[in-house]
Amino acid sequence: MVVIADLRPGPKARVPEIRNAYRYLRGAHESVSGIFDVVQSMSQARREANANAQGRMAKEEVDLLRAAIVFTSSGLDASMKRLINDAGRYLIPRETGARGQYVAFLNQEMKSSQPDASMRDAVLSADPAGGLMDYYLGARAKASFQGSGDLEKRVRNCLGIAAERVPLERLKSLDEFFTVRNSIVHNMDYQDIEISIRTRRIHRSNDETARLCNLTFEIAADILHAAAEVVIASRTPVAH
């Protein structure tokens, strides 16, 4: 029986800057686990109805596995975007790696011959500091994540998480998941969408889909724990 692995528990320490992001990830995990339960029930009923227990998955089963990929992706997006906002707002005003990233971003923007209109509006607003914070975090969280590079730059680096804590190679292991997600979301999983006469779709097994979903939840939880460690460290006075 193929199941979705248990989600790693959230940080034991009180870290409100991480709490909501973890709730989003947990909600997605529960939904995806429910989808796999339904697929298993359908698969069992199909095998019991057939003389050959090895029969090919029904179209409905395959579509549910595709839905599991999409739900997992949505959970990753929602969780990471909330993490950027909540943890970023706490870390940037402090002497942290996140603040270094923030300052570097604004310096780069100010060197542009045509500054972004939203940044100009933030500078001219009644609360420039708050406006610039909103502008920066909005730029980091406004789009869905398309691959390991996005997770590296827009989450790990943005929050000042050490590279050795969540290595790039670890993030790159998710590129396969993003490729599959994009095939489903953008091409309906058709193998040759440019050739109208062919309508073959990609079929993935329970095992393959569970592996991709499990890896995504696992790495997302790792990022959340690493961010929690950064937040906690920023609260600890530096010994002189």
C-alpha atoms as a PDB file:
ATOM      1  CA  MET A   1       0.000   0.000   0.000  1.00  0.00           C
ATOM      2  CA  VAL A   2       1.357   3.410  -1.027  1.00  0.00           C
ATOM      3  CA  VAL A   3       0.878   6.235   1.456  1.00  0.00           C
ATOM      4  CA  ILE A   4       2.115   9.738   2.019  1.00  0.00           C
ATOM      5  CA  ALA A   5       4.743   9.796   4.767  1.00  0.00           C
ATOM      6  CA  ASP A   6       3.962  11.661   7.972  1.00  0.00           C
ATOM      7  CA  LEU A   7       4.862  15.334   7.891  1.00  0.00           C
ATOM      8  CA  ARG A   8       7.758  16.312  10.116  1.00  0.00           C
ATOM      9  CA  PRO A   9       6.350  18.086  13.209  1.00  0.00           C
ATOM     10  CA  GLY A  10       6.768  21.826  13.452  1.00  0.00           C
ATOM     11  CA  PRO A  11       9.463  23.459  15.608  1.00  0.00           C
ATOM     12  CA  LYS A  12       9.094  22.718  19.317  1.00  0.00           C
ATOM     13  CA  ALA A  13      10.144  26.237  20.280  1.00  0.00           C
ATOM     14  CA  ARG A  14       7.612  29.036  20.161  1.00  0.00           C
ATOM     15  CA  VAL A  15       8.195  30.630  16.749  1.00  0.00           C
ATOM     16  CA  PRO A  16       5.032  32.493  15.677  1.00  0.00           C
ATOM     17  CA  GLU A  17       6.814  33.734  12.549  1.00  0.00           C
ATOM     18  CA  ILE A  18       6.772  30.150  11.250  1.00  0.00           C
ATOM     19  CA  ARG A  19       3.436  28.941  12.611  1.00  0.00           C
ATOM     20  CA  ASN A  20       1.113  29.997   9.799  1.00  0.00           C
ATOM     21  CA  ALA A  21       3.453  28.762   7.078  1.00  0.00           C
ATOM     22  CA  TYR A  22       3.505  25.372   8.798  1.00  0.00           C
ATOM     23  CA  ARG A  23      -0.280  25.347   9.001  1.00  0.00           C
ATOM     24  CA  TYR A  24      -0.495  25.853   5.248  1.00  0.00           C
ATOM     25  CA  LEU A  25       1.958  23.026   4.623  1.00  0.00           C
ATOM     26  CA  ARG A  26       0.120  20.746   7.055  1.00  0.00           C
ATOM     27  CA  GLY A  27      -3.213  21.488   5.389  1.00  0.00           C
ATOM     28  CA  ALA A  28      -1.821  20.579   1.985  1.00  0.00           C
ATOM     29  CA  HIS A  29      -0.283  17.411   3.412  1.00  0.00           C
ATOM     30  CA  GLU A  30      -3.639  16.347   4.853  1.00  0.00           C
ATOM     31  CA  SER A  31      -5.363  16.965   1.508  1.00  0.00           C
ATOM     32  CA  VAL A  32      -2.763  14.996  -0.435  1.00  0.00           C
ATOM     33  CA  SER A  33      -2.902  12.142   2.083  1.00  0.00           C
ATOM     34  CA  GLY A  34      -6.676  12.070   1.587  1.00  0.00           C
ATOM     35  CA  ILE A  35      -6.255  11.875  -2.182  1.00  0.00           C
ATOM     36  CA  PHE A  36      -3.965   8.871  -1.815  1.00  0.00           C
ATOM     37  CA  ASP A  37      -6.481   7.189   0.481  1.00  0.00           C
ATOM     38  CA  VAL A  38      -9.132   7.572  -2.213  1.00  0.00           C
ATOM     39  CA  VAL A  39      -6.774   6.244  -4.902  1.00  0.00           C
ATOM     40  CA  GLN A  40      -5.988   3.200  -2.763  1.00  0.00           C
ATOM     41  CA  SER A  41      -9.693   2.509  -2.220  1.00  0.00           C
ATOM     42  CA  MET A  42     -10.415   2.802  -5.944  1.00  0.00           C
ATOM     43  CA  SER A  43      -7.445   0.601  -6.799  1.00  0.00           C
ATOM     44  CA  GLN A  44      -8.540  -2.081  -4.344  1.00  0.00           C
ATOM     45  CA  ALA A  45     -12.107  -2.060  -5.683  1.00  0.00           C
ATOM     46  CA  ARG A  46     -10.807  -2.342  -9.256  1.00  0.00           C
ATOM     47  CA  ARG A  47      -8.550  -5.278  -8.409  1.00  0.00           C
ATOM     48  CA  GLU A  48     -11.342  -7.085  -6.587  1.00  0.00           C
ATOM     49  CA  ALA A  49     -13.618  -6.640  -9.600  1.00  0.00           C
ATOM     50  CA  ASN A  50     -11.044  -7.932 -12.091  1.00  0.00           C
ATOM     51  CA  ALA A  51      -9.815 -11.447 -12.559  1.00  0.00           C
ATOM     52  CA  ASN A  52      -6.291 -10.070 -12.977  1.00  0.00           C
ATOM     53  CA  ALA A  53      -5.182  -8.072  -9.935  1.00  0.00           C
ATOM     54  CA  GLN A  54      -2.401  -6.422 -11.957  1.00  0.00           C
ATOM     55  CA  GLY A  55      -4.735  -4.353 -14.148  1.00  0.00           C
ATOM     56  CA  ARG A  56      -3.831  -0.909 -15.456  1.00  0.00           C
ATOM     57  CA  MET A  57      -4.936   2.033 -13.327  1.00  0.00           C
ATOM     58  CA  ALA A  58      -8.255   3.586 -14.255  1.00  0.00           C
ATOM     59  CA  LYS A  59      -8.256   7.069 -15.759  1.00  0.00           C
ATOM     60  CA  GLU A  60      -9.834   8.444 -12.564  1.00  0.00           C
ATOM     61  CA  GLU A  61      -6.987   7.029 -10.477  1.00  0.00           C
ATOM     62  CA  VAL A  62      -4.359   8.611 -12.716  1.00  0.00           C
ATOM     63  CA  ASP A  63      -6.165  11.963 -12.611  1.00  0.00           C
ATOM     64  CA  LEU A  64      -6.276  11.841  -8.819  1.00  0.00           C
ATOM     65  CA  LEU A  65      -2.519  11.262  -8.744  1.00  0.00           C
ATOM     66  CA  ARG A  66      -2.122  14.330 -10.946  1.00  0.00           C
ATOM     67  CA  ALA A  67      -4.296  16.249  -8.493  1.00  0.00           C
ATOM     68  CA  ALA A  68      -1.995  15.131  -5.666  1.00  0.00           C
ATOM     69  CA  ILE A  69       0.953  16.731  -7.476  1.00  0.00           C
ATOM     70  CA  VAL A  70      -0.977  19.983  -7.968  1.00  0.00           C
ATOM     71  CA  PHE A  71      -2.145  20.092  -4.325  1.00  0.00           C
ATOM     72  CA  THR A  72       1.410  19.481  -3.160  1.00  0.00           C
ATOM     73  CA  SER A  73       2.654  22.308  -5.351  1.00  0.00           C
ATOM     74  CA  SER A  74      -0.049  24.643  -4.068  1.00  0.00           C
ATOM     75  CA  GLY A  75       0.874  23.780  -0.493  1.00  0.00           C
ATOM     76  CA  LEU A  76       4.533  24.500  -1.189  1.00  0.00           C
ATOM     77  CA  ASP A  77       3.690  27.855  -2.775  1.00  0.00           C
ATOM     78  CA  ALA A  78       1.324  28.947  -0.012  1.00  0.00           C
ATOM     79  CA  SER A  79       3.681  27.849   2.757  1.00  0.00           C
ATOM     80  CA  MET A  80       6.798  29.452   1.295  1.00  0.00           C
ATOM     81  CA  LYS A  81       5.027  32.724   0.464  1.00  0.00           C
ATOM     82  CA  ARG A  82       3.681  32.980   4.008  1.00  0.00           C
ATOM     83  CA  LEU A  83       7.131  32.144   5.373  1.00  0.00           C
ATOM     84  CA  ILE A  84       8.744  34.907   3.319  1.00  0.00           C
ATOM     85  CA  ASN A  85       6.222  37.427   4.609  1.00  0.00           C
ATOM     86  CA  ASP A  86       6.099  36.459   8.274  1.00  0.00           C
ATOM     87  CA  ALA A  87       9.735  35.543   8.891  1.00  0.00           C
ATOM     88  CA  GLY A  88      10.991  38.276   6.569  1.00  0.00           C
ATOM     89  CA  ARG A  89       9.142  41.010   8.457  1.00  0.00           C
ATOM     90  CA  TYR A  90      10.737  39.838  11.681  1.00  0.00           C
ATOM     91  CA  LEU A  91      14.283  39.291  10.393  1.00  0.00           C
ATOM     92  CA  ILE A  92      14.852  42.247   8.072  1.00  0.00           C
ATOM     93  CA  PRO A  93      14.756  44.987  10.745  1.00  0.00           C
ATOM     94  CA  ARG A  94      17.433  43.089  12.690  1.00  0.00           C
ATOM     95  CA  GLU A  95      21.116  42.517  11.981  1.00  0.00           C
ATOM     96  CA  THR A  96      20.621  39.288  10.078  1.00  0.00           C
ATOM     97  CA  GLY A  97      21.479  37.778   6.740  1.00  0.00           C
ATOM     98  CA  ALA A  98      17.930  38.590   5.680  1.00  0.00           C
ATOM     99  CA  ARG A  99      18.615  42.287   6.189  1.00  0.00           C
ATOM    100  CA  GLY A 100      21.766  42.006   4.096  1.00  0.00           C
ATOM    101  CA  GLN A 101      19.719  40.525   1.259  1.00  0.00           C
ATOM    102  CA  TYR A 102      17.122  43.270   1.618  1.00  0.00           C
ATOM    103  CA  VAL A 103      19.699  46.071   1.490  1.00  0.00           C
ATOM    104  CA  ALA A 104      21.477  44.487  -1.484  1.00  0.00           C
ATOM    105  CA  PHE A 105      18.160  44.226  -3.358  1.00  0.00           C
ATOM    106  CA  LEU A 106      17.248  47.882  -2.754  1.00  0.00           C
ATOM    107  CA  ASN A 107      20.751  49.049  -3.699  1.00  0.00           C
ATOM    108  CA  GLN A 108      20.456  47.178  -6.983  1.00  0.00           C
ATOM    109  CA  GLU A 109      17.007  48.621  -7.638  1.00  0.00           C
ATOM    110  CA  MET A 110      18.198  52.180  -6.976  1.00  0.00           C
ATOM    111  CA  LYS A 111      21.000  51.798  -9.541  1.00  0.00           C
ATOM    112  CA  SER A 112      18.458  51.142 -12.278  1.00  0.00           C
ATOM    113  CA  SER A 113      17.990  53.942 -14.815  1.00  0.00           C
ATOM    114  CA  GLN A 114      14.248  53.258 -14.641  1.00  0.00           C
ATOM    115  CA  PRO A 115      13.265  52.399 -11.057  1.00  0.00           C
ATOM    116  CA  ASP A 116      10.168  50.266 -10.633  1.00  0.00           C
ATOM    117  CA  ALA A 117       7.044  52.416 -10.219  1.00  0.00           C
ATOM    118  CA  SER A 118       5.991  50.420  -7.156  1.00  0.00           C
ATOM    119  CA  MET A 119       9.311  51.124  -5.485  1.00  0.00           C
ATOM    120  CA  ARG A 120       9.005  54.832  -6.248  1.00  0.00           C
ATOM    121  CA  ASP A 121       5.512  54.838  -4.746  1.00  0.00           C
ATOM    122  CA  ALA A 122       6.872  53.111  -1.623  1.00  0.00           C
ATOM    123  CA  VAL A 123       9.601  55.714  -1.179  1.00  0.00           C
ATOM    124  CA  LEU A 124       7.099  58.565  -1.568  1.00  0.00           C
ATOM    125  CA  SER A 125       4.479  57.027   0.716  1.00  0.00           C
ATOM    126  CA  ALA A 126       3.653  58.250   4.237  1.00  0.00           C
ATOM    127  CA  ASP A 127       5.556  55.219   5.597  1.00  0.00           C
ATOM    128  CA  PRO A 128       8.594  54.657   3.347  1.00  0.00           C
ATOM    129  CA  ALA A 129      10.112  51.962   5.579  1.00  0.00           C
ATOM    130  CA  GLY A 130       6.898  49.947   5.623  1.00  0.00           C
ATOM    131  CA  GLY A 131       6.303  50.566   1.935  1.00  0.00           C
ATOM    132  CA  LEU A 132       9.765  49.345   0.965  1.00  0.00           C
ATOM    133  CA  MET A 133       9.341  46.267   3.144  1.00  0.00           C
ATOM    134  CA  ASP A 134       6.042  45.498   1.405  1.00  0.00           C
ATOM    135  CA  TYR A 135       7.633  46.097  -1.989  1.00  0.00           C
ATOM    136  CA  TYR A 136      10.565  43.779  -1.321  1.00  0.00           C
ATOM    137  CA  LEU A 137       8.604  40.936   0.234  1.00  0.00           C
ATOM    138  CA  GLY A 138       5.959  41.252  -2.463  1.00  0.00           C
ATOM    139  CA  ALA A 139       8.629  40.897  -5.143  1.00  0.00           C
ATOM    140  CA  ARG A 140       9.926  37.748  -3.454  1.00  0.00           C
ATOM    141  CA  ALA A 141       6.508  36.149  -2.936  1.00  0.00           C
ATOM    142  CA  LYS A 142       4.307  37.348  -5.793  1.00  0.00           C
ATOM    143  CA  ALA A 143       4.878  34.480  -8.244  1.00  0.00           C
ATOM    144  CA  SER A 144       4.670  30.712  -7.869  1.00  0.00           C
ATOM    145  CA  PHE A 145       7.922  28.816  -7.448  1.00  0.00           C
ATOM    146  CA  GLN A 146       9.212  27.319 -10.676  1.00  0.00           C
ATOM    147  CA  GLY A 147      12.273  25.389  -9.547  1.00  0.00           C
ATOM    148  CA  SER A 148      15.156  24.992  -7.151  1.00  0.00           C
ATOM    149  CA  GLY A 149      16.612  28.352  -8.175  1.00  0.00           C
ATOM    150  CA  ASP A 150      13.489  30.129  -6.944  1.00  0.00           C
ATOM    151  CA  LEU A 151      13.615  28.335  -3.605  1.00  0.00           C
ATOM    152  CA  GLU A 152      17.293  29.181  -3.277  1.00  0.00           C
ATOM    153  CA  LYS A 153      17.032  32.901  -4.088  1.00  0.00           C
ATOM    154  CA  ARG A 154      13.527  33.821  -2.994  1.00  0.00           C
ATOM    155  CA  VAL A 155      13.349  31.757   0.196  1.00  0.00           C
ATOM    156  CA  ARG A 156      16.660  30.422   1.476  1.00  0.00           C
ATOM    157  CA  ASN A 157      18.790  33.443   0.607  1.00  0.00           C
ATOM    158  CA  CYS A 158      16.006  35.950   1.270  1.00  0.00           C
ATOM    159  CA  LEU A 159      15.709  34.763   4.880  1.00  0.00           C
ATOM    160  CA  GLY A 160      19.433  34.379   5.449  1.00  0.00           C
ATOM    161  CA  ILE A 161      19.321  30.595   5.845  1.00  0.00           C
ATOM    162  CA  ALA A 162      22.839  29.143   5.667  1.00  0.00           C
ATOM    163  CA  ALA A 163      23.589  27.206   2.485  1.00  0.00           C
ATOM    164  CA  GLU A 164      24.863  24.231   4.465  1.00  0.00           C
ATOM    165  CA  ARG A 165      21.580  24.101   6.376  1.00  0.00           C
ATOM    166  CA  VAL A 166      19.555  23.547   3.190  1.00  0.00           C
ATOM    167  CA  PRO A 167      22.132  22.695   0.486  1.00  0.00           C
ATOM    168  CA  LEU A 168      21.484  23.639  -3.120  1.00  0.00           C
ATOM    169  CA  GLU A 169      21.840  20.005  -4.178  1.00  0.00           C
ATOM    170  CA  ARG A 170      18.992  19.189  -1.829  1.00  0.00           C
ATOM    171  CA  LEU A 171      16.844  21.876  -3.421  1.00  0.00           C
ATOM    172  CA  LYS A 172      17.818  20.698  -6.910  1.00  0.00           C
ATOM    173  CA  SER A 173      16.362  17.279  -6.134  1.00  0.00           C
ATOM    174  CA  LEU A 174      12.951  19.001  -6.397  1.00  0.00           C
ATOM    175  CA  ASP A 175      13.447  20.034 -10.039  1.00  0.00           C
ATOM    176  CA  GLU A 176      11.924  16.741 -11.166  1.00  0.00           C
ATOM    177  CA  PHE A 177       8.799  17.559  -9.151  1.00  0.00           C
ATOM    178  CA  PHE A 178       8.553  21.015 -10.748  1.00  0.00           C
ATOM    179  CA  THR A 179       8.921  19.494 -14.223  1.00  0.00           C
ATOM    180  CA  VAL A 180       6.074  17.078 -13.538  1.00  0.00           C
ATOM    181  CA  ARG A 181       3.930  19.825 -11.980  1.00  0.00           C
ATOM    182  CA  ASN A 182       4.416  22.040 -15.025  1.00  0.00           C
ATOM    183  CA  SER A 183       3.548  19.211 -17.389  1.00  0.00           C
ATOM    184  CA  ILE A 184       0.243  18.749 -15.571  1.00  0.00           C
ATOM    185  CA  VAL A 185      -0.642  22.414 -15.048  1.00  0.00           C
ATOM    186  CA  HIS A 186       0.454  23.779 -18.416  1.00  0.00           C
ATOM    187  CA  ASN A 187       0.090  20.806 -20.773  1.00  0.00           C
ATOM    188  CA  MET A 188      -2.576  18.643 -19.103  1.00  0.00           C
ATOM    189  CA  ASP A 189       0.156  15.970 -19.038  1.00  0.00           C
ATOM    190  CA  TYR A 190      -0.055  15.425 -22.792  1.00  0.00           C
ATOM    191  CA  GLN A 191       3.173  14.059 -24.224  1.00  0.00           C
ATOM    192  CA  ASP A 192       3.065  16.005 -27.506  1.00  0.00           C
ATOM    193  CA  ILE A 193       0.847  19.016 -27.017  1.00  0.00           C
ATOM    194  CA  GLU A 194       2.234  20.728 -30.140  1.00  0.00           C
ATOM    195  CA  ILE A 195       1.083  17.827 -32.352  1.00  0.00           C
ATOM    196  CA  SER A 196      -2.705  17.936 -32.344  1.00  0.00           C
ATOM    197  CA  ILE A 197      -3.207  14.455 -33.813  1.00  0.00           C
ATOM    198  CA  ARG A 198      -1.643  12.775 -30.769  1.00  0.00           C
ATOM    199  CA  THR A 199      -3.387  12.825 -27.412  1.00  0.00           C
ATOM    200  CA  ARG A 200      -1.301  10.434 -25.330  1.00  0.00           C
ATOM    201  CA  ARG A 201      -0.929  11.459 -21.704  1.00  0.00           C
ATOM    202  CA  ILE A 202       1.778  10.585 -19.225  1.00  0.00           C
ATOM    203  CA  HIS A 203       0.806   7.923 -16.684  1.00  0.00           C
ATOM    204  CA  ARG A 204       2.623   7.805 -13.361  1.00  0.00           C
ATOM    205  CA  SER A 205       2.476   5.084 -10.761  1.00  0.00           C
ATOM    206  CA  ASN A 206       1.350   5.475  -7.161  1.00  0.00           C
ATOM    207  CA  ASP A 207       4.938   4.907  -6.063  1.00  0.00           C
ATOM    208  CA  GLU A 208       6.390   7.570  -8.361  1.00  0.00           C
ATOM    209  CA  THR A 209       3.795  10.176  -7.401  1.00  0.00           C
ATOM    210  CA  ALA A 210       4.146   9.449  -3.675  1.00  0.00           C
ATOM    211  CA  ARG A 211       7.928   9.747  -3.958  1.00  0.00           C
ATOM    212  CA  LEU A 212       7.661  13.194  -5.561  1.00  0.00           C
ATOM    213  CA  CYS A 213       5.071  14.452  -3.073  1.00  0.00           C
ATOM    214  CA  ASN A 214       6.925  13.042  -0.070  1.00  0.00           C
ATOM    215  CA  LEU A 215      10.191  14.669  -1.154  1.00  0.00           C
ATOM    216  CA  THR A 216       8.483  18.039  -1.615  1.00  0.00           C
ATOM    217  CA  PHE A 217       6.862  17.979   1.817  1.00  0.00           C
ATOM    218  CA  GLU A 218      10.117  16.812   3.368  1.00  0.00           C
ATOM    219  CA  ILE A 219      12.202  19.620   1.884  1.00  0.00           C
ATOM    220  CA  ALA A 220       9.541  22.251   2.595  1.00  0.00           C
ATOM    221  CA  ALA A 221       9.548  21.166   6.253  1.00  0.00           C
ATOM    222  CA  ASP A 222      13.353  21.352   6.292  1.00  0.00           C
ATOM    223  CA  ILE A 223      13.191  24.950   5.024  1.00  0.00           C
ATOM    224  CA  LEU A 224      10.641  25.885   7.677  1.00  0.00           C
ATOM    225  CA  HIS A 225      12.763  24.390  10.448  1.00  0.00           C
ATOM    226  CA  ALA A 226      15.863  26.135   9.120  1.00  0.00           C
ATOM    227  CA  ALA A 227      13.989  29.449   9.047  1.00  0.00           C
ATOM    228  CA  ALA A 228      12.833  28.861  12.617  1.00  0.00           C
ATOM    229  CA  GLU A 229      16.441  28.371  13.670  1.00  0.00           C
ATOM    230  CA  VAL A 230      17.398  31.690  12.065  1.00  0.00           C
ATOM    231  CA  VAL A 231      14.559  33.467  13.875  1.00  0.00           C
ATOM    232  CA  ILE A 232      15.510  31.910  17.213  1.00  0.00           C
ATOM    233  CA  ALA A 233      19.196  32.769  16.717  1.00  0.00           C
ATOM    234  CA  SER A 234      18.287  36.401  16.003  1.00  0.00           C
ATOM    235  CA  ARG A 235      16.671  36.616  19.459  1.00  0.00           C
ATOM    236  CA  THR A 236      19.747  35.384  21.290  1.00  0.00           C
ATOM    237  CA  PRO A 237      21.995  38.221  22.519  1.00  0.00           C
ATOM    238  CA  VAL A 238      25.519  38.061  21.126  1.00  0.00           C
ATOM    239  CA  ALA A 239      28.129  37.578  23.839  1.00  0.00           C
ATOM    240  CA  HIS A 240      30.726  40.357  24.058  1.00  0.00           C
END
